[in-house]
Amino acid sequence: MTPLPDFSQPLWFAFATLVVFLVVVGRYLLIAGLFHGIFYVWFPQRWQQRKINSRGYKSGQFKNEVKWSMITAFLFAVAGSLMLVLWQQGYTKVYTNIYDYPLWWMPISLFIALLAHETYYYWLHRWMHHPKVFRIVHKVHHDSNITSPWTAFSFHPLEGLLQALFLPILLLILPMHLYVLVIQLTIMTFSSVINHLDIEVYPKGFHKNFVGRWLIGATHHSLHHKQFKYNYGLYFTFWDKWKHTESPLYERLFEEKTATAVVDQEKQQATT
């Protein structure tokens, strides 16, 4: 096998950053565009109902969200290249041979990474809502008071940097197979886009079953953008439940949104 170039060299580091940037942007555009298209083209009743209920988007919102997301993607790309350099020099715990650790460690490491990320983000998020910090770091994201699929990576560069640092630091101490890392990054993108849809994709009653009560979705996170003082989680609800920061409006709004979705689906089936 041909040895990899030394990515600590400036030109190779720049090349790696460009490649990772294109991957991050492509993944963002693909997934956000997919969900935008699903509801705008295939389920226009749901999209129109959402716009009526929320009074629509701000002028130029999508353009601004994509602009900030490109900056975030660049920061993620630099972090990815830094992680590559650290891996080449033997500082990270990323491994490529699936037999370096027991096979059962692969799903366990993913679960640990998700829990660690959830914990980091919950407390970071609460800190970013301190008034002095909010104006500098987090306000850009909350400029999207009514979220869209394109809000997913719409961050001020300081917030983007704080989010980009998590995985490189985690991988200094947590052994993770390369494929598991890819799965983690994919989950992160899908989760972020779904959470910012403002259209509930989960079925009626999902918020009360054993799995659904612990997962964050569009209804849960939309309340954070409207109320600011609740629902700080990223993937899971357990920190919000434990620290009593889950919105008291969540269950009722979820039931309202999913009941409307059922009616819209029945109307659509009746006209086809």
Protein backbone atom coordinates (compact mmCIF):
# COMPACT_ATOMS: atom_id res chain seq x y z
CA MET A 1 0.00 0.00 0.00
CA THR A 2 1.28 3.45 -0.93
CA PRO A 3 2.05 5.42 2.25
CA LEU A 4 -0.06 8.49 2.92
CA PRO A 5 1.55 11.91 2.51
CA ASP A 6 2.60 13.83 5.59
CA PHE A 7 -0.47 15.96 6.28
CA SER A 8 1.42 18.11 8.77
CA GLN A 9 3.12 19.75 5.78
CA PRO A 10 1.35 23.04 4.90
CA LEU A 11 0.38 22.14 1.33
CA TRP A 12 -0.93 18.70 2.26
CA PHE A 13 -2.74 20.17 5.28
CA ALA A 14 -4.42 22.71 2.98
CA PHE A 15 -5.34 19.95 0.52
CA ALA A 16 -6.83 17.80 3.29
CA THR A 17 -8.78 20.80 4.59
CA LEU A 18 -10.20 21.44 1.12
CA VAL A 19 -11.27 17.80 0.73
CA VAL A 20 -12.88 17.65 4.18
CA PHE A 21 -14.58 21.01 3.53
CA LEU A 22 -16.12 19.67 0.31
CA VAL A 23 -17.28 16.52 2.11
CA VAL A 24 -18.85 18.50 4.98
CA VAL A 25 -20.53 20.96 2.59
CA GLY A 26 -21.72 18.17 0.31
CA ARG A 27 -23.20 16.25 3.24
CA TYR A 28 -24.89 19.40 4.58
CA LEU A 29 -26.35 20.38 1.20
CA LEU A 30 -27.46 16.83 0.45
CA ILE A 31 -29.20 16.14 3.77
CA ALA A 32 -30.66 19.63 4.32
CA GLY A 33 -31.73 19.80 0.68
CA LEU A 34 -33.28 16.34 0.92
CA PHE A 35 -35.44 17.26 3.90
CA HIS A 36 -36.31 20.65 2.41
CA GLY A 37 -37.39 18.91 -0.79
CA ILE A 38 -39.38 16.21 1.00
CA PHE A 39 -41.64 18.73 2.71
CA TYR A 40 -41.65 21.49 0.11
CA VAL A 41 -42.18 19.34 -2.97
CA TRP A 42 -43.70 16.04 -1.76
CA PHE A 43 -45.69 17.24 1.26
CA PRO A 44 -46.58 20.88 0.49
CA GLN A 45 -49.58 20.82 2.85
CA ARG A 46 -47.26 20.19 5.81
CA TRP A 47 -44.92 22.96 4.66
CA GLN A 48 -47.71 25.48 4.14
CA GLN A 49 -49.29 24.58 7.49
CA ARG A 50 -45.94 25.07 9.19
CA LYS A 51 -45.51 28.49 7.59
CA ILE A 52 -49.02 29.56 8.59
CA ASN A 53 -48.52 28.45 12.19
CA SER A 54 -45.14 30.16 12.54
CA ARG A 55 -45.78 33.27 10.41
CA GLY A 56 -43.11 32.32 7.92
CA TYR A 57 -39.38 32.89 7.62
CA LYS A 58 -37.43 36.13 7.82
CA SER A 59 -36.47 37.78 4.55
CA GLY A 60 -33.18 36.32 3.28
CA GLN A 61 -33.03 33.75 6.08
CA PHE A 62 -32.00 30.78 3.92
CA LYS A 63 -29.20 32.80 2.30
CA ASN A 64 -27.83 33.88 5.67
CA GLU A 65 -28.07 30.36 7.06
CA VAL A 66 -26.09 28.90 4.16
CA LYS A 67 -23.49 31.70 4.44
CA TRP A 68 -22.85 31.04 8.13
CA SER A 69 -22.93 27.27 7.47
CA MET A 70 -20.09 27.59 4.94
CA ILE A 71 -17.93 29.25 7.61
CA THR A 72 -18.85 26.49 10.06
CA ALA A 73 -17.99 23.87 7.44
CA PHE A 74 -14.56 25.44 7.00
CA LEU A 75 -13.92 25.32 10.76
CA PHE A 76 -15.05 21.68 10.84
CA ALA A 77 -12.70 21.00 7.92
CA VAL A 78 -9.72 22.52 9.74
CA ALA A 79 -10.60 20.46 12.83
CA GLY A 80 -10.83 17.36 10.63
CA SER A 81 -7.39 18.02 9.13
CA LEU A 82 -5.96 18.61 12.58
CA MET A 83 -7.44 15.29 13.68
CA LEU A 84 -5.82 13.63 10.63
CA VAL A 85 -2.42 15.04 11.57
CA LEU A 86 -2.81 13.93 15.18
CA TRP A 87 -3.82 10.46 13.96
CA GLN A 88 -0.78 10.20 11.66
CA GLN A 89 1.50 11.15 14.54
CA GLY A 90 -0.07 8.57 16.84
CA TYR A 91 -1.81 10.91 19.25
CA THR A 92 -5.42 9.85 18.64
CA LYS A 93 -7.15 6.59 19.50
CA VAL A 94 -8.69 6.18 16.03
CA TYR A 95 -8.00 2.70 14.66
CA THR A 96 -8.58 1.12 11.22
CA ASN A 97 -8.23 -2.60 11.96
CA ILE A 98 -11.56 -3.80 13.38
CA TYR A 99 -9.74 -6.51 15.36
CA ASP A 100 -7.61 -4.05 17.36
CA TYR A 101 -10.47 -4.01 19.87
CA PRO A 102 -13.32 -6.48 20.48
CA LEU A 103 -16.14 -6.11 17.98
CA TRP A 104 -18.60 -5.27 20.75
CA TRP A 105 -16.53 -2.15 21.44
CA MET A 106 -17.63 -0.55 18.15
CA PRO A 107 -21.28 0.11 19.15
CA ILE A 108 -20.25 0.81 22.75
CA SER A 109 -17.74 3.45 21.63
CA LEU A 110 -20.41 5.09 19.48
CA PHE A 111 -22.81 5.19 22.43
CA ILE A 112 -20.13 6.68 24.70
CA ALA A 113 -19.26 9.29 22.07
CA LEU A 114 -22.90 10.31 21.70
CA LEU A 115 -23.37 10.58 25.47
CA ALA A 116 -20.14 12.57 25.83
CA HIS A 117 -21.14 14.89 22.99
CA GLU A 118 -24.59 15.35 24.52
CA THR A 119 -23.08 16.28 27.88
CA TYR A 120 -20.53 18.66 26.37
CA TYR A 121 -23.14 20.38 24.21
CA TYR A 122 -25.82 20.69 26.89
CA TRP A 123 -23.56 22.57 29.29
CA LEU A 124 -21.89 24.55 26.49
CA HIS A 125 -25.35 25.51 25.24
CA ARG A 126 -26.49 26.69 28.66
CA TRP A 127 -23.31 28.74 29.01
CA MET A 128 -23.90 30.31 25.58
CA HIS A 129 -27.27 31.55 26.82
CA HIS A 130 -25.71 33.74 29.50
CA PRO A 131 -26.64 37.24 28.26
CA LYS A 132 -23.10 38.57 27.68
CA VAL A 133 -21.98 35.36 25.97
CA PHE A 134 -25.18 35.01 23.94
CA ARG A 135 -24.78 38.33 22.14
CA ILE A 136 -21.26 37.45 21.00
CA VAL A 137 -21.37 33.70 20.42
CA HIS A 138 -24.89 32.32 20.03
CA LYS A 139 -27.09 35.10 18.64
CA VAL A 140 -26.35 34.20 15.00
CA HIS A 141 -27.93 30.79 15.45
CA HIS A 142 -30.99 32.29 17.15
CA ASP A 143 -31.47 34.80 14.37
CA SER A 144 -33.35 31.85 12.87
CA ASN A 145 -36.26 32.19 15.26
CA ILE A 146 -38.23 29.86 12.98
CA THR A 147 -35.80 27.14 12.01
CA SER A 148 -35.32 25.42 8.66
CA PRO A 149 -33.18 22.50 7.45
CA TRP A 150 -30.52 25.10 6.55
CA THR A 151 -30.26 26.30 10.18
CA ALA A 152 -28.44 23.10 11.16
CA PHE A 153 -24.88 24.52 10.83
CA SER A 154 -25.71 28.23 10.96
CA PHE A 155 -23.33 29.34 13.73
CA HIS A 156 -21.13 32.31 14.57
CA PRO A 157 -17.46 31.31 14.00
CA LEU A 158 -16.80 31.29 17.76
CA GLU A 159 -19.63 28.83 18.30
CA GLY A 160 -18.53 26.81 15.29
CA LEU A 161 -15.02 26.60 16.76
CA LEU A 162 -16.34 25.46 20.15
CA GLN A 163 -18.35 22.74 18.44
CA ALA A 164 -15.53 21.71 16.10
CA LEU A 165 -13.08 21.09 18.96
CA PHE A 166 -15.11 18.37 20.63
CA LEU A 167 -14.32 15.34 18.46
CA PRO A 168 -10.55 15.90 18.10
CA ILE A 169 -10.28 16.18 21.91
CA LEU A 170 -12.52 13.15 22.50
CA LEU A 171 -10.48 11.03 20.10
CA LEU A 172 -7.34 11.69 22.10
CA ILE A 173 -8.79 9.48 24.84
CA LEU A 174 -11.60 7.34 23.34
CA PRO A 175 -10.67 4.45 21.01
CA MET A 176 -12.97 4.58 17.99
CA HIS A 177 -12.88 2.73 14.69
CA LEU A 178 -12.76 4.93 11.59
CA TYR A 179 -16.14 3.62 10.36
CA VAL A 180 -17.73 4.34 13.75
CA LEU A 181 -16.39 7.88 13.55
CA VAL A 182 -18.04 8.27 10.13
CA ILE A 183 -21.32 6.99 11.60
CA GLN A 184 -21.01 9.50 14.47
CA LEU A 185 -20.54 12.39 12.01
CA THR A 186 -23.48 11.22 9.89
CA ILE A 187 -25.75 10.96 12.94
CA MET A 188 -24.66 14.46 13.95
CA THR A 189 -25.69 15.90 10.57
CA PHE A 190 -29.01 14.03 10.31
CA SER A 191 -29.90 14.89 13.90
CA SER A 192 -29.10 18.57 13.46
CA VAL A 193 -31.15 18.86 10.27
CA ILE A 194 -34.14 16.96 11.69
CA ASN A 195 -34.07 19.01 14.89
CA HIS A 196 -34.22 22.25 12.89
CA LEU A 197 -37.02 21.24 10.49
CA ASP A 198 -39.77 22.84 12.60
CA ILE A 199 -41.92 20.06 11.07
CA GLU A 200 -42.30 16.97 13.23
CA VAL A 201 -41.15 13.82 11.43
CA TYR A 202 -41.80 11.40 14.29
CA PRO A 203 -45.22 9.71 14.53
CA LYS A 204 -48.04 10.42 16.92
CA GLY A 205 -47.31 9.17 20.45
CA PHE A 206 -43.56 8.79 19.75
CA HIS A 207 -42.66 11.26 22.53
CA LYS A 208 -44.10 8.88 25.14
CA ASN A 209 -42.69 5.51 24.10
CA PHE A 210 -39.52 4.02 25.59
CA VAL A 211 -37.23 5.26 22.79
CA GLY A 212 -38.98 8.45 21.71
CA ARG A 213 -39.12 10.05 25.14
CA TRP A 214 -35.31 10.23 25.15
CA LEU A 215 -34.83 11.56 21.60
CA ILE A 216 -34.87 15.19 20.52
CA GLY A 217 -36.81 16.08 17.38
CA ALA A 218 -38.09 19.13 15.53
CA THR A 219 -40.85 19.99 18.00
CA HIS A 220 -38.50 19.76 20.98
CA HIS A 221 -35.83 21.99 19.45
CA SER A 222 -38.25 24.45 17.83
CA LEU A 223 -39.39 25.40 21.33
CA HIS A 224 -35.81 26.24 22.25
CA HIS A 225 -35.64 28.73 19.37
CA LYS A 226 -38.92 30.30 20.43
CA GLN A 227 -38.56 30.23 24.22
CA PHE A 228 -34.74 30.38 24.64
CA LYS A 229 -34.74 29.08 28.24
CA TYR A 230 -35.71 25.45 27.62
CA ASN A 231 -34.61 22.39 25.64
CA TYR A 232 -30.82 22.74 25.47
CA GLY A 233 -30.07 19.16 24.39
CA LEU A 234 -28.47 17.92 21.18
CA TYR A 235 -29.50 14.27 20.63
CA PHE A 236 -31.19 13.24 23.87
CA THR A 237 -33.57 14.70 26.43
CA PHE A 238 -32.06 13.21 29.58
CA TRP A 239 -30.12 16.32 30.65
CA ASP A 240 -33.16 18.54 30.09
CA LYS A 241 -35.29 16.14 32.13
CA TRP A 242 -32.72 15.79 34.89
CA LYS A 243 -32.03 19.54 35.21
CA HIS A 244 -35.71 20.50 34.71
CA THR A 245 -35.01 22.54 31.56
CA GLU A 246 -37.48 20.74 29.29
CA SER A 247 -40.28 23.04 28.10
CA PRO A 248 -43.63 22.44 29.80
CA LEU A 249 -45.24 23.08 26.40
CA TYR A 250 -43.39 20.23 24.68
CA GLU A 251 -45.84 17.34 25.07
CA ARG A 252 -48.89 19.40 24.14
CA LEU A 253 -47.19 20.92 21.08
CA PHE A 254 -45.92 17.50 19.93
CA GLU A 255 -49.44 16.11 20.15
CA GLU A 256 -50.85 19.08 18.24
CA LYS A 257 -48.25 18.83 15.48
CA THR A 258 -48.58 15.07 15.02
CA ALA A 259 -52.39 15.26 15.08
CA THR A 260 -52.22 17.87 12.28
CA ALA A 261 -49.81 15.64 10.37
CA VAL A 262 -52.25 12.71 10.52
CA VAL A 263 -55.07 14.90 9.19
CA ASP A 264 -52.87 16.24 6.39
CA GLN A 265 -51.84 12.71 5.42
CA GLU A 266 -55.47 11.59 5.28
CA LYS A 267 -56.34 14.58 3.08
CA GLN A 268 -53.46 13.83 0.76
CA GLN A 269 -54.47 10.18 0.44
CA ALA A 270 -58.07 11.24 -0.29
CA THR A 271 -56.97 13.41 -3.22
CA THR A 272 -54.72 10.76 -4.84
